[in-house]
């Protein structure tokens, strides 16, 4: 399963910011999960998938992105170690703690 951080430039809020999402790809199927974060499009580097250094809230935003990514990657590695098939149901199981709220 691949995870990529993307900026949804098709949606812009009234403050001129676009939402950041995680895009999970597995067997040519995609699932999007909102990070609950928004940033101005000119502060986002889509190739490197991070907030540019000149963004005023860069440290906070990038830290939250990195923590959420690490949490999902850890879940996927744990499932693989237990020989549980990784699909769109297992990393997003409602019984597990939501990484966005921790």
PDB file of N, CA and C in Angstrom:
ATOM      1  N   UNK A   1       0.850  -1.172   0.000  1.00  0.00           N
ATOM      2  CA  UNK A   1       0.000   0.000   0.000  1.00  0.00           C
ATOM      3  C   UNK A   1       0.896   1.235   0.000  1.00  0.00           C
ATOM      4  N   UNK A   2       0.599   2.152  -0.905  1.00  0.00           N
ATOM      5  CA  UNK A   2       1.355   3.395  -0.999  1.00  0.00           C
ATOM      6  C   UNK A   2       0.558   4.518  -0.350  1.00  0.00           C
ATOM      7  N   UNK A   3       1.274   5.421   0.302  1.00  0.00           N
ATOM      8  CA  UNK A   3       0.636   6.581   0.927  1.00  0.00           C
ATOM      9  C   UNK A   3       1.308   7.835   0.377  1.00  0.00           C
ATOM     10  N   UNK A   4       0.494   8.780  -0.026  1.00  0.00           N
ATOM     11  CA  UNK A   4       1.016  10.032  -0.564  1.00  0.00           C
ATOM     12  C   UNK A   4       0.207  11.196   0.015  1.00  0.00           C
ATOM     13  N   UNK A   5       0.877  12.275   0.357  1.00  0.00           N
ATOM     14  CA  UNK A   5       0.205  13.477   0.849  1.00  0.00           C
ATOM     15  C   UNK A   5      -0.059  14.371  -0.352  1.00  0.00           C
ATOM     16  N   UNK A   6      -1.314  14.780  -0.507  1.00  0.00           N
ATOM     17  CA  UNK A   6      -1.670  15.629  -1.646  1.00  0.00           C
ATOM     18  C   UNK A   6      -2.443  16.851  -1.169  1.00  0.00           C
ATOM     19  N   UNK A   7      -2.412  17.880  -1.988  1.00  0.00           N
ATOM     20  CA  UNK A   7      -3.177  19.097  -1.745  1.00  0.00           C
ATOM     21  C   UNK A   7      -4.329  19.109  -2.734  1.00  0.00           C
ATOM     22  N   UNK A   8      -5.548  19.178  -2.247  1.00  0.00           N
ATOM     23  CA  UNK A   8      -6.742  19.187  -3.102  1.00  0.00           C
ATOM     24  C   UNK A   8      -6.978  20.613  -3.591  1.00  0.00           C
ATOM     25  N   UNK A   9      -6.343  20.974  -4.698  1.00  0.00           N
ATOM     26  CA  UNK A   9      -6.434  22.336  -5.213  1.00  0.00           C
ATOM     27  C   UNK A   9      -7.789  22.641  -5.829  1.00  0.00           C
ATOM     28  N   UNK A  10      -8.600  21.635  -6.063  1.00  0.00           N
ATOM     29  CA  UNK A  10      -9.937  21.854  -6.602  1.00  0.00           C
ATOM     30  C   UNK A  10     -10.885  22.468  -5.588  1.00  0.00           C
ATOM     31  N   UNK A  11     -10.504  22.392  -4.315  1.00  0.00           N
ATOM     32  CA  UNK A  11     -11.317  22.978  -3.245  1.00  0.00           C
ATOM     33  C   UNK A  11     -10.490  24.049  -2.546  1.00  0.00           C
ATOM     34  N   UNK A  12     -11.035  25.237  -2.466  1.00  0.00           N
ATOM     35  CA  UNK A  12     -10.351  26.339  -1.798  1.00  0.00           C
ATOM     36  C   UNK A  12     -11.340  26.988  -0.847  1.00  0.00           C
ATOM     37  N   UNK A  13     -10.945  27.147   0.427  1.00  0.00           N
ATOM     38  CA  UNK A  13     -11.845  27.774   1.396  1.00  0.00           C
ATOM     39  C   UNK A  13     -11.776  29.290   1.284  1.00  0.00           C
ATOM     40  N   UNK A  14     -12.556  29.994   2.077  1.00  0.00           N
ATOM     41  CA  UNK A  14     -12.624  31.451   1.946  1.00  0.00           C
ATOM     42  C   UNK A  14     -11.352  32.152   2.406  1.00  0.00           C
ATOM     43  N   UNK A  15     -10.464  31.436   3.080  1.00  0.00           N
ATOM     44  CA  UNK A  15      -9.162  32.004   3.461  1.00  0.00           C
ATOM     45  C   UNK A  15      -8.095  31.737   2.398  1.00  0.00           C
ATOM     46  N   UNK A  16      -8.501  31.129   1.272  1.00  0.00           N
ATOM     47  CA  UNK A  16      -7.582  30.860   0.177  1.00  0.00           C
ATOM     48  C   UNK A  16      -6.737  29.615   0.378  1.00  0.00           C
ATOM     49  N   UNK A  17      -7.158  28.743   1.287  1.00  0.00           N
ATOM     50  CA  UNK A  17      -6.399  27.538   1.579  1.00  0.00           C
ATOM     51  C   UNK A  17      -7.095  26.307   0.995  1.00  0.00           C
ATOM     52  N   UNK A  18      -6.286  25.317   0.661  1.00  0.00           N
ATOM     53  CA  UNK A  18      -6.793  24.045   0.156  1.00  0.00           C
ATOM     54  C   UNK A  18      -6.503  22.955   1.183  1.00  0.00           C
ATOM     55  N   UNK A  19      -7.375  21.938   1.261  1.00  0.00           N
ATOM     56  CA  UNK A  19      -7.175  20.881   2.255  1.00  0.00           C
ATOM     57  C   UNK A  19      -6.067  19.904   1.859  1.00  0.00           C
ATOM     58  N   UNK A  20      -5.359  19.414   2.869  1.00  0.00           N
ATOM     59  CA  UNK A  20      -4.358  18.377   2.678  1.00  0.00           C
ATOM     60  C   UNK A  20      -5.014  17.028   2.942  1.00  0.00           C
ATOM     61  N   UNK A  21      -4.703  16.058   2.098  1.00  0.00           N
ATOM     62  CA  UNK A  21      -5.303  14.734   2.195  1.00  0.00           C
ATOM     63  C   UNK A  21      -4.206  13.678   2.097  1.00  0.00           C
ATOM     64  N   UNK A  22      -4.496  12.509   2.630  1.00  0.00           N
ATOM     65  CA  UNK A  22      -3.655  11.348   2.412  1.00  0.00           C
ATOM     66  C   UNK A  22      -4.324  10.523   1.328  1.00  0.00           C
ATOM     67  N   UNK A  23      -3.542  10.117   0.340  1.00  0.00           N
ATOM     68  CA  UNK A  23      -4.071   9.249  -0.718  1.00  0.00           C
ATOM     69  C   UNK A  23      -3.424   7.881  -0.568  1.00  0.00           C
ATOM     70  N   UNK A  24      -4.236   6.890  -0.262  1.00  0.00           N
ATOM     71  CA  UNK A  24      -3.785   5.512  -0.128  1.00  0.00           C
ATOM     72  C   UNK A  24      -4.073   4.807  -1.451  1.00  0.00           C
ATOM     73  N   UNK A  25      -3.087   4.094  -1.977  1.00  0.00           N
ATOM     74  CA  UNK A  25      -3.262   3.347  -3.211  1.00  0.00           C
ATOM     75  C   UNK A  25      -2.924   1.886  -2.947  1.00  0.00           C
ATOM     76  N   UNK A  26      -3.867   1.017  -3.298  1.00  0.00           N
ATOM     77  CA  UNK A  26      -3.676  -0.424  -3.116  1.00  0.00           C
ATOM     78  C   UNK A  26      -4.390  -1.143  -4.249  1.00  0.00           C
ATOM     79  N   UNK A  27      -3.668  -1.957  -4.996  1.00  0.00           N
ATOM     80  CA  UNK A  27      -4.238  -2.692  -6.136  1.00  0.00           C
ATOM     81  C   UNK A  27      -4.977  -1.764  -7.103  1.00  0.00           C
ATOM     82  N   UNK A  28      -4.344  -0.637  -7.419  1.00  0.00           N
ATOM     83  CA  UNK A  28      -4.880   0.354  -8.364  1.00  0.00           C
ATOM     84  C   UNK A  28      -6.184   1.011  -7.909  1.00  0.00           C
ATOM     85  N   UNK A  29      -6.461   0.925  -6.640  1.00  0.00           N
ATOM     86  CA  UNK A  29      -7.642   1.570  -6.075  1.00  0.00           C
ATOM     87  C   UNK A  29      -7.161   2.620  -5.076  1.00  0.00           C
ATOM     88  N   UNK A  30      -7.841   3.765  -5.052  1.00  0.00           N
ATOM     89  CA  UNK A  30      -7.434   4.848  -4.164  1.00  0.00           C
ATOM     90  C   UNK A  30      -8.486   5.129  -3.101  1.00  0.00           C
ATOM     91  N   UNK A  31      -7.995   5.571  -1.949  1.00  0.00           N
ATOM     92  CA  UNK A  31      -8.863   6.028  -0.869  1.00  0.00           C
ATOM     93  C   UNK A  31      -8.239   7.311  -0.333  1.00  0.00           C
ATOM     94  N   UNK A  32      -9.071   8.319  -0.110  1.00  0.00           N
ATOM     95  CA  UNK A  32      -8.600   9.593   0.408  1.00  0.00           C
ATOM     96  C   UNK A  32      -9.035   9.750   1.855  1.00  0.00           C
ATOM     97  N   UNK A  33      -8.128  10.271   2.672  1.00  0.00           N
ATOM     98  CA  UNK A  33      -8.423  10.549   4.074  1.00  0.00           C
ATOM     99  C   UNK A  33      -7.993  11.986   4.347  1.00  0.00           C
ATOM    100  N   UNK A  34      -8.907  12.784   4.865  1.00  0.00           N
ATOM    101  CA  UNK A  34      -8.599  14.185   5.171  1.00  0.00           C
ATOM    102  C   UNK A  34      -7.689  14.272   6.382  1.00  0.00           C
ATOM    103  N   UNK A  35      -6.700  15.139   6.308  1.00  0.00           N
ATOM    104  CA  UNK A  35      -5.806  15.370   7.440  1.00  0.00           C
ATOM    105  C   UNK A  35      -6.386  16.394   8.407  1.00  0.00           C
ATOM    106  N   UNK A  36      -7.371  17.143   7.968  1.00  0.00           N
ATOM    107  CA  UNK A  36      -7.928  18.195   8.824  1.00  0.00           C
ATOM    108  C   UNK A  36      -7.059  19.439   8.826  1.00  0.00           C
ATOM    109  N   UNK A  37      -6.168  19.533   7.847  1.00  0.00           N
ATOM    110  CA  UNK A  37      -5.257  20.671   7.733  1.00  0.00           C
ATOM    111  C   UNK A  37      -5.449  21.322   6.378  1.00  0.00           C
ATOM    112  N   UNK A  38      -5.215  22.632   6.330  1.00  0.00           N
ATOM    113  CA  UNK A  38      -5.293  23.367   5.072  1.00  0.00           C
ATOM    114  C   UNK A  38      -4.090  24.284   4.960  1.00  0.00           C
ATOM    115  N   UNK A  39      -3.684  24.541   3.721  1.00  0.00           N
ATOM    116  CA  UNK A  39      -2.540  25.416   3.471  1.00  0.00           C
ATOM    117  C   UNK A  39      -2.766  26.123   2.134  1.00  0.00           C
ATOM    118  N   UNK A  40      -2.185  27.328   1.993  1.00  0.00           N
ATOM    119  CA  UNK A  40      -2.274  28.028   0.724  1.00  0.00           C
ATOM    120  C   UNK A  40      -1.500  27.232  -0.320  1.00  0.00           C
ATOM    121  N   UNK A  41      -2.037  27.101  -1.533  1.00  0.00           N
ATOM    122  CA  UNK A  41      -1.381  26.277  -2.555  1.00  0.00           C
ATOM    123  C   UNK A  41       0.060  26.673  -2.861  1.00  0.00           C
ATOM    124  N   UNK A  42       0.407  27.953  -2.737  1.00  0.00           N
ATOM    125  CA  UNK A  42       1.774  28.367  -3.054  1.00  0.00           C
ATOM    126  C   UNK A  42       2.770  28.016  -1.950  1.00  0.00           C
ATOM    127  N   UNK A  43       2.303  27.509  -0.822  1.00  0.00           N
ATOM    128  CA  UNK A  43       3.188  27.025   0.240  1.00  0.00           C
ATOM    129  C   UNK A  43       3.390  25.513   0.189  1.00  0.00           C
ATOM    130  N   UNK A  44       2.849  24.831  -0.812  1.00  0.00           N
ATOM    131  CA  UNK A  44       2.929  23.374  -0.882  1.00  0.00           C
ATOM    132  C   UNK A  44       3.821  22.934  -2.038  1.00  0.00           C
ATOM    133  N   UNK A  45       4.770  22.058  -1.769  1.00  0.00           N
ATOM    134  CA  UNK A  45       5.620  21.457  -2.794  1.00  0.00           C
ATOM    135  C   UNK A  45       5.067  20.067  -3.086  1.00  0.00           C
ATOM    136  N   UNK A  46       4.378  19.925  -4.215  1.00  0.00           N
ATOM    137  CA  UNK A  46       3.700  18.660  -4.501  1.00  0.00           C
ATOM    138  C   UNK A  46       4.676  17.544  -4.851  1.00  0.00           C
ATOM    139  N   UNK A  47       5.828  17.868  -5.398  1.00  0.00           N
ATOM    140  CA  UNK A  47       6.799  16.827  -5.746  1.00  0.00           C
ATOM    141  C   UNK A  47       7.446  16.226  -4.500  1.00  0.00           C
ATOM    142  N   UNK A  48       7.814  17.074  -3.557  1.00  0.00           N
ATOM    143  CA  UNK A  48       8.455  16.605  -2.327  1.00  0.00           C
ATOM    144  C   UNK A  48       7.443  16.273  -1.241  1.00  0.00           C
ATOM    145  N   UNK A  49       6.195  16.665  -1.433  1.00  0.00           N
ATOM    146  CA  UNK A  49       5.100  16.417  -0.487  1.00  0.00           C
ATOM    147  C   UNK A  49       5.358  17.020   0.893  1.00  0.00           C
ATOM    148  N   UNK A  50       5.727  18.295   0.928  1.00  0.00           N
ATOM    149  CA  UNK A  50       5.881  18.962   2.212  1.00  0.00           C
ATOM    150  C   UNK A  50       5.584  20.449   2.087  1.00  0.00           C
ATOM    151  N   UNK A  51       5.404  21.079   3.240  1.00  0.00           N
ATOM    152  CA  UNK A  51       5.122  22.506   3.311  1.00  0.00           C
ATOM    153  C   UNK A  51       6.441  23.253   3.110  1.00  0.00           C
ATOM    154  N   UNK A  52       6.415  24.281   2.274  1.00  0.00           N
ATOM    155  CA  UNK A  52       7.633  25.040   1.983  1.00  0.00           C
ATOM    156  C   UNK A  52       8.129  25.807   3.214  1.00  0.00           C
ATOM    157  N   UNK A  53       9.435  26.028   3.306  1.00  0.00           N
ATOM    158  CA  UNK A  53      10.012  26.702   4.485  1.00  0.00           C
ATOM    159  C   UNK A  53       9.508  28.124   4.726  1.00  0.00           C
ATOM    160  N   UNK A  54       9.017  28.802   3.696  1.00  0.00           N
ATOM    161  CA  UNK A  54       8.557  30.183   3.886  1.00  0.00           C
ATOM    162  C   UNK A  54       7.125  30.275   4.408  1.00  0.00           C
ATOM    163  N   UNK A  55       6.478  29.150   4.667  1.00  0.00           N
ATOM    164  CA  UNK A  55       5.118  29.138   5.225  1.00  0.00           C
ATOM    165  C   UNK A  55       5.184  29.538   6.702  1.00  0.00           C
ATOM    166  N   UNK A  56       4.320  30.464   7.146  1.00  0.00           N
ATOM    167  CA  UNK A  56       4.370  30.917   8.540  1.00  0.00           C
ATOM    168  C   UNK A  56       4.106  29.813   9.575  1.00  0.00           C
ATOM    169  N   UNK A  57       3.295  28.827   9.258  1.00  0.00           N
ATOM    170  CA  UNK A  57       2.961  27.760  10.208  1.00  0.00           C
ATOM    171  C   UNK A  57       3.610  26.439   9.811  1.00  0.00           C
ATOM    172  N   UNK A  58       4.749  26.500   9.145  1.00  0.00           N
ATOM    173  CA  UNK A  58       5.377  25.308   8.588  1.00  0.00           C
ATOM    174  C   UNK A  58       5.671  24.240   9.633  1.00  0.00           C
ATOM    175  N   UNK A  59       6.278  24.612  10.730  1.00  0.00           N
ATOM    176  CA  UNK A  59       6.693  23.631  11.743  1.00  0.00           C
ATOM    177  C   UNK A  59       5.498  22.841  12.269  1.00  0.00           C
ATOM    178  N   UNK A  60       4.436  23.533  12.590  1.00  0.00           N
ATOM    179  CA  UNK A  60       3.245  22.878  13.128  1.00  0.00           C
ATOM    180  C   UNK A  60       2.595  21.968  12.092  1.00  0.00           C
ATOM    181  N   UNK A  61       2.392  22.492  10.890  1.00  0.00           N
ATOM    182  CA  UNK A  61       1.742  21.715   9.833  1.00  0.00           C
ATOM    183  C   UNK A  61       2.550  20.475   9.470  1.00  0.00           C
ATOM    184  N   UNK A  62       3.847  20.655   9.250  1.00  0.00           N
ATOM    185  CA  UNK A  62       4.679  19.531   8.836  1.00  0.00           C
ATOM    186  C   UNK A  62       4.775  18.482   9.934  1.00  0.00           C
ATOM    187  N   UNK A  63       4.800  18.922  11.173  1.00  0.00           N
ATOM    188  CA  UNK A  63       4.842  17.984  12.292  1.00  0.00           C
ATOM    189  C   UNK A  63       3.577  17.129  12.336  1.00  0.00           C
ATOM    190  N   UNK A  64       2.420  17.748  12.154  1.00  0.00           N
ATOM    191  CA  UNK A  64       1.156  17.011  12.159  1.00  0.00           C
ATOM    192  C   UNK A  64       1.076  16.037  10.982  1.00  0.00           C
ATOM    193  N   UNK A  65       1.550  16.463   9.822  1.00  0.00           N
ATOM    194  CA  UNK A  65       1.561  15.587   8.649  1.00  0.00           C
ATOM    195  C   UNK A  65       2.459  14.382   8.906  1.00  0.00           C
ATOM    196  N   UNK A  66       3.667  14.641   9.401  1.00  0.00           N
ATOM    197  CA  UNK A  66       4.629  13.560   9.658  1.00  0.00           C
ATOM    198  C   UNK A  66       4.124  12.586  10.715  1.00  0.00           C
ATOM    199  N   UNK A  67       3.498  13.099  11.766  1.00  0.00           N
ATOM    200  CA  UNK A  67       2.972  12.222  12.818  1.00  0.00           C
ATOM    201  C   UNK A  67       1.860  11.320  12.296  1.00  0.00           C
ATOM    202  N   UNK A  68       0.968  11.869  11.497  1.00  0.00           N
ATOM    203  CA  UNK A  68      -0.128  11.076  10.944  1.00  0.00           C
ATOM    204  C   UNK A  68       0.396  10.026   9.973  1.00  0.00           C
ATOM    205  N   UNK A  69       1.336  10.415   9.116  1.00  0.00           N
ATOM    206  CA  UNK A  69       1.939   9.457   8.186  1.00  0.00           C
ATOM    207  C   UNK A  69       2.625   8.320   8.940  1.00  0.00           C
ATOM    208  N   UNK A  70       3.388   8.679   9.955  1.00  0.00           N
ATOM    209  CA  UNK A  70       4.101   7.665  10.747  1.00  0.00           C
ATOM    210  C   UNK A  70       3.127   6.709  11.413  1.00  0.00           C
ATOM    211  N   UNK A  71       2.014   7.229  11.904  1.00  0.00           N
ATOM    212  CA  UNK A  71       1.016   6.396  12.557  1.00  0.00           C
ATOM    213  C   UNK A  71       0.412   5.378  11.588  1.00  0.00           C
ATOM    214  N   UNK A  72       0.035   5.825  10.385  1.00  0.00           N
ATOM    215  CA  UNK A  72      -0.528   4.906   9.401  1.00  0.00           C
ATOM    216  C   UNK A  72       0.510   3.892   8.931  1.00  0.00           C
ATOM    217  N   UNK A  73       1.736   4.334   8.709  1.00  0.00           N
ATOM    218  CA  UNK A  73       2.789   3.406   8.279  1.00  0.00           C
ATOM    219  C   UNK A  73       3.074   2.358   9.354  1.00  0.00           C
ATOM    220  N   UNK A  74       3.040   2.781  10.606  1.00  0.00           N
ATOM    221  CA  UNK A  74       3.259   1.842  11.709  1.00  0.00           C
ATOM    222  C   UNK A  74       2.147   0.795  11.749  1.00  0.00           C
ATOM    223  N   UNK A  75       0.906   1.227  11.557  1.00  0.00           N
ATOM    224  CA  UNK A  75      -0.225   0.291  11.526  1.00  0.00           C
ATOM    225  C   UNK A  75      -0.065  -0.729  10.405  1.00  0.00           C
ATOM    226  N   UNK A  76       0.321  -0.250   9.229  1.00  0.00           N
ATOM    227  CA  UNK A  76       0.480  -1.134   8.078  1.00  0.00           C
ATOM    228  C   UNK A  76       1.610  -2.133   8.330  1.00  0.00           C
ATOM    229  N   UNK A  77       2.717  -1.673   8.888  1.00  0.00           N
ATOM    230  CA  UNK A  77       3.833  -2.575   9.201  1.00  0.00           C
ATOM    231  C   UNK A  77       3.419  -3.612  10.237  1.00  0.00           C
ATOM    232  N   UNK A  78       2.650  -3.197  11.231  1.00  0.00           N
ATOM    233  CA  UNK A  78       2.176  -4.119  12.263  1.00  0.00           C
ATOM    234  C   UNK A  78       1.284  -5.201  11.649  1.00  0.00           C
ATOM    235  N   UNK A  79       0.396  -4.799  10.751  1.00  0.00           N
ATOM    236  CA  UNK A  79      -0.476  -5.766  10.084  1.00  0.00           C
ATOM    237  C   UNK A  79       0.335  -6.747   9.238  1.00  0.00           C
ATOM    238  N   UNK A  80       1.324  -6.224   8.526  1.00  0.00           N
ATOM    239  CA  UNK A  80       2.171  -7.094   7.708  1.00  0.00           C
ATOM    240  C   UNK A  80       2.956  -8.064   8.576  1.00  0.00           C
ATOM    241  N   UNK A  81       3.440  -7.612   9.722  1.00  0.00           N
ATOM    242  CA  UNK A  81       4.194  -8.481  10.632  1.00  0.00           C
ATOM    243  C   UNK A  81       3.314  -9.598  11.189  1.00  0.00           C
ATOM    244  N   UNK A  82       2.039  -9.319  11.371  1.00  0.00           N
ATOM    245  CA  UNK A  82       1.100 -10.324  11.883  1.00  0.00           C
ATOM    246  C   UNK A  82       0.481 -11.172  10.770  1.00  0.00           C
ATOM    247  N   UNK A  83       0.954 -10.989   9.549  1.00  0.00           N
ATOM    248  CA  UNK A  83       0.440 -11.698   8.376  1.00  0.00           C
ATOM    249  C   UNK A  83      -1.055 -11.476   8.158  1.00  0.00           C
ATOM    250  N   UNK A  84      -1.518 -10.292   8.499  1.00  0.00           N
ATOM    251  CA  UNK A  84      -2.899  -9.901   8.239  1.00  0.00           C
ATOM    252  C   UNK A  84      -2.908  -9.171   6.894  1.00  0.00           C
ATOM    253  N   UNK A  85      -3.785  -9.552   5.982  1.00  0.00           N
ATOM    254  CA  UNK A  85      -3.795  -8.889   4.676  1.00  0.00           C
ATOM    255  C   UNK A  85      -4.095  -7.392   4.824  1.00  0.00           C
ATOM    256  N   UNK A  86      -3.274  -6.587   4.170  1.00  0.00           N
ATOM    257  CA  UNK A  86      -3.447  -5.137   4.226  1.00  0.00           C
ATOM    258  C   UNK A  86      -4.341  -4.722   3.059  1.00  0.00           C
ATOM    259  N   UNK A  87      -5.488  -4.151   3.392  1.00  0.00           N
ATOM    260  CA  UNK A  87      -6.405  -3.603   2.399  1.00  0.00           C
ATOM    261  C   UNK A  87      -7.004  -2.331   2.991  1.00  0.00           C
ATOM    262  N   UNK A  88      -8.015  -1.784   2.344  1.00  0.00           N
ATOM    263  CA  UNK A  88      -8.572  -0.521   2.829  1.00  0.00           C
ATOM    264  C   UNK A  88      -9.366  -0.665   4.117  1.00  0.00           C
ATOM    265  N   UNK A  89      -9.736  -1.859   4.494  1.00  0.00           N
ATOM    266  CA  UNK A  89     -10.495  -2.043   5.727  1.00  0.00           C
ATOM    267  C   UNK A  89      -9.584  -2.113   6.958  1.00  0.00           C
ATOM    268  N   UNK A  90      -8.471  -2.789   6.850  1.00  0.00           N
ATOM    269  CA  UNK A  90      -7.662  -3.051   8.039  1.00  0.00           C
ATOM    270  C   UNK A  90      -6.970  -1.826   8.637  1.00  0.00           C
ATOM    271  N   UNK A  91      -6.288  -0.949   7.875  1.00  0.00           N
ATOM    272  CA  UNK A  91      -5.656   0.210   8.531  1.00  0.00           C
ATOM    273  C   UNK A  91      -6.651   1.233   9.058  1.00  0.00           C
ATOM    274  N   UNK A  92      -7.886   1.176   8.567  1.00  0.00           N
ATOM    275  CA  UNK A  92      -8.891   2.163   8.944  1.00  0.00           C
ATOM    276  C   UNK A  92      -9.940   1.580   9.875  1.00  0.00           C
ATOM    277  N   UNK A  93      -9.621   0.470  10.507  1.00  0.00           N
ATOM    278  CA  UNK A  93     -10.559  -0.199  11.403  1.00  0.00           C
ATOM    279  C   UNK A  93     -10.991   0.756  12.513  1.00  0.00           C
ATOM    280  N   UNK A  94     -12.275   0.876  12.718  1.00  0.00           N
ATOM    281  CA  UNK A  94     -12.816   1.811  13.720  1.00  0.00           C
ATOM    282  C   UNK A  94     -12.427   1.419  15.136  1.00  0.00           C
ATOM    283  N   UNK A  95     -12.058   0.171  15.366  1.00  0.00           N
ATOM    284  CA  UNK A  95     -11.685  -0.271  16.705  1.00  0.00           C
ATOM    285  C   UNK A  95     -10.316   0.252  17.117  1.00  0.00           C
ATOM    286  N   UNK A  96      -9.511   0.632  16.138  1.00  0.00           N
ATOM    287  CA  UNK A  96      -8.186   1.146  16.442  1.00  0.00           C
ATOM    288  C   UNK A  96      -8.278   2.637  16.720  1.00  0.00           C
ATOM    289  N   UNK A  97      -7.265   3.153  17.368  1.00  0.00           N
ATOM    290  CA  UNK A  97      -7.226   4.583  17.702  1.00  0.00           C
ATOM    291  C   UNK A  97      -7.016   5.391  16.425  1.00  0.00           C
ATOM    292  N   UNK A  98      -7.761   6.450  16.268  1.00  0.00           N
ATOM    293  CA  UNK A  98      -7.635   7.335  15.126  1.00  0.00           C
ATOM    294  C   UNK A  98      -6.376   8.165  15.288  1.00  0.00           C
ATOM    295  N   UNK A  99      -5.400   8.092  14.340  1.00  0.00           N
ATOM    296  CA  UNK A  99      -4.149   8.826  14.490  1.00  0.00           C
ATOM    297  C   UNK A  99      -4.337  10.332  14.396  1.00  0.00           C
ATOM    298  N   UNK A 100      -5.436  10.786  13.826  1.00  0.00           N
ATOM    299  CA  UNK A 100      -5.652  12.212  13.697  1.00  0.00           C
ATOM    300  C   UNK A 100      -6.028  12.852  15.037  1.00  0.00           C
ATOM    301  N   UNK A 101      -6.478  12.054  15.996  1.00  0.00           N
ATOM    302  CA  UNK A 101      -6.907  12.592  17.280  1.00  0.00           C
ATOM    303  C   UNK A 101      -5.918  12.309  18.397  1.00  0.00           C
ATOM    304  N   UNK A 102      -4.795  11.705  18.075  1.00  0.00           N
ATOM    305  CA  UNK A 102      -3.828  11.413  19.137  1.00  0.00           C
ATOM    306  C   UNK A 102      -2.713  12.425  19.168  1.00  0.00           C
TER     307      UNK A 102
END
